[in-house]
Protein backbone atom coordinates (compact mmCIF):
# COMPACT_ATOMS: atom_id res chain seq x y z
CA MET A 1 -11.27 42.68 -19.58
CA SER A 2 -11.98 44.02 -23.00
CA LEU A 3 -10.95 43.44 -26.59
CA ASP A 4 -8.76 45.86 -28.51
CA LEU A 5 -9.08 46.53 -32.25
CA THR A 6 -6.96 43.49 -33.13
CA GLY A 7 -9.13 41.14 -31.08
CA GLN A 8 -6.58 40.70 -28.28
CA ILE A 9 -7.79 40.60 -24.69
CA VAL A 10 -6.73 43.67 -22.73
CA MET A 11 -6.66 43.55 -18.92
CA ASN A 12 -7.88 46.81 -17.40
CA ALA A 13 -6.50 47.52 -13.95
CA ILE A 14 -8.78 49.20 -11.45
CA PRO A 15 -7.30 52.65 -10.86
CA ILE A 16 -7.33 52.84 -7.06
CA SER A 17 -4.86 54.33 -4.63
CA GLN A 18 -2.02 52.23 -3.23
CA SER A 19 -2.99 53.37 0.27
CA TYR A 20 -5.88 50.85 0.18
CA ARG A 21 -3.43 47.93 0.01
CA SER A 22 -2.43 47.71 3.68
CA PRO A 23 -5.94 48.14 5.17
CA ILE A 24 -7.37 45.53 2.80
CA PHE A 25 -4.73 42.95 3.78
CA GLU A 26 -5.24 43.76 7.48
CA ALA A 27 -8.99 43.30 7.05
CA LEU A 28 -8.43 39.96 5.33
CA ALA A 29 -6.16 38.81 8.18
CA LEU A 30 -8.73 39.88 10.79
CA GLN A 31 -11.54 38.14 8.91
CA THR A 32 -9.50 34.96 8.61
CA ILE A 33 -8.88 34.87 12.36
CA ILE A 34 -12.50 35.62 13.26
CA GLY A 35 -13.74 33.16 10.63
CA VAL A 36 -11.60 30.30 11.94
CA VAL A 37 -12.73 30.96 15.52
CA ALA A 38 -16.38 31.17 14.37
CA LEU A 39 -16.08 27.85 12.57
CA MET A 40 -14.67 26.19 15.71
CA ILE A 41 -17.67 27.17 17.85
CA LEU A 42 -20.02 24.20 18.15
CA ASP A 43 -23.42 25.87 17.90
CA GLY A 44 -24.69 24.29 14.70
CA GLY A 45 -23.17 26.96 12.50
CA GLY A 46 -25.11 29.96 13.80
CA ILE A 47 -22.06 32.09 14.60
CA ALA A 48 -20.40 31.09 11.31
CA GLN A 49 -23.56 32.11 9.47
CA ILE A 50 -23.55 35.52 11.17
CA CYS A 51 -19.87 35.97 10.28
CA GLY A 52 -20.61 35.04 6.66
CA ILE A 53 -23.44 37.56 6.44
CA ALA A 54 -21.17 40.18 8.02
CA LEU A 55 -18.44 39.31 5.52
CA LEU A 56 -20.72 40.01 2.56
CA ALA A 57 -22.01 43.23 4.11
CA PHE A 58 -18.51 44.44 4.96
CA TRP A 59 -17.04 43.87 1.50
CA SER A 60 -20.08 45.53 -0.07
CA GLY A 61 -19.33 48.57 2.07
CA VAL A 62 -15.63 48.46 1.18
CA ALA A 63 -16.49 48.33 -2.52
CA THR A 64 -18.74 51.36 -2.04
CA LEU A 65 -15.96 53.26 -0.27
CA ILE A 66 -13.46 52.45 -3.00
CA VAL A 67 -15.87 53.47 -5.77
CA ARG A 68 -16.61 56.77 -4.02
CA HIS A 69 -12.96 57.65 -3.28
CA PRO A 70 -10.76 55.64 -5.66
CA GLN A 71 -7.71 57.91 -5.60
CA ASN A 72 -8.01 59.94 -2.37
CA PRO A 73 -9.23 57.81 0.54
CA THR A 74 -9.78 59.62 3.81
CA ALA A 75 -8.31 58.43 7.10
CA THR A 76 -11.83 57.41 8.13
CA ASP A 77 -12.18 55.26 5.00
CA LEU A 78 -8.92 53.47 5.72
CA SER A 79 -9.83 52.94 9.40
CA ALA A 80 -13.25 51.61 8.41
CA ILE A 81 -11.62 49.09 6.11
CA ARG A 82 -9.03 48.10 8.73
CA ILE A 83 -11.31 47.44 11.72
CA GLY A 84 -14.84 47.90 10.40
CA TYR A 85 -15.45 44.16 10.22
CA ILE A 86 -15.56 43.98 14.01
CA ALA A 87 -18.37 46.54 14.10
CA VAL A 88 -20.26 44.78 11.33
CA VAL A 89 -19.97 41.42 13.14
CA ALA A 90 -21.27 43.06 16.33
CA ILE A 91 -24.30 44.59 14.57
CA THR A 92 -25.18 41.70 12.24
CA PRO A 93 -26.91 39.40 14.77
CA PHE A 94 -29.46 42.10 15.57
CA ILE A 95 -30.16 43.04 11.97
CA ALA A 96 -30.22 39.43 10.77
CA GLY A 97 -32.45 38.45 13.69
CA ALA A 98 -34.89 41.22 12.81
CA VAL A 99 -34.92 40.21 9.14
CA TRP A 100 -35.44 36.55 10.04
CA ALA A 101 -38.29 37.50 12.40
CA LEU A 102 -39.97 39.54 9.66
CA ARG A 103 -39.68 36.60 7.29
CA GLY A 104 -41.05 34.21 9.89
CA LEU A 105 -37.92 32.10 10.25
């Protein structure tokens, strides 16, 4: 948002390609399903915590991809957005475990 010369609020749309739309909605659907299943596992919230960390890491990566290729996404970019969350969820327990061990938790 910004102000124009008359003081009115102007909404600035992010100029990204329409081809990002479908992969983003597919990623959201996949994350919803995995998130609901993770929340139903009775382990004290450990799996849900891993999925939450993976969620933040994944969307950080998606934002980076979109900033780097706003108008011309590659097929790899779109595939990474579509199914990349699964890979991030698979890797996160190892990285988070190493970080927690370094911190002494």
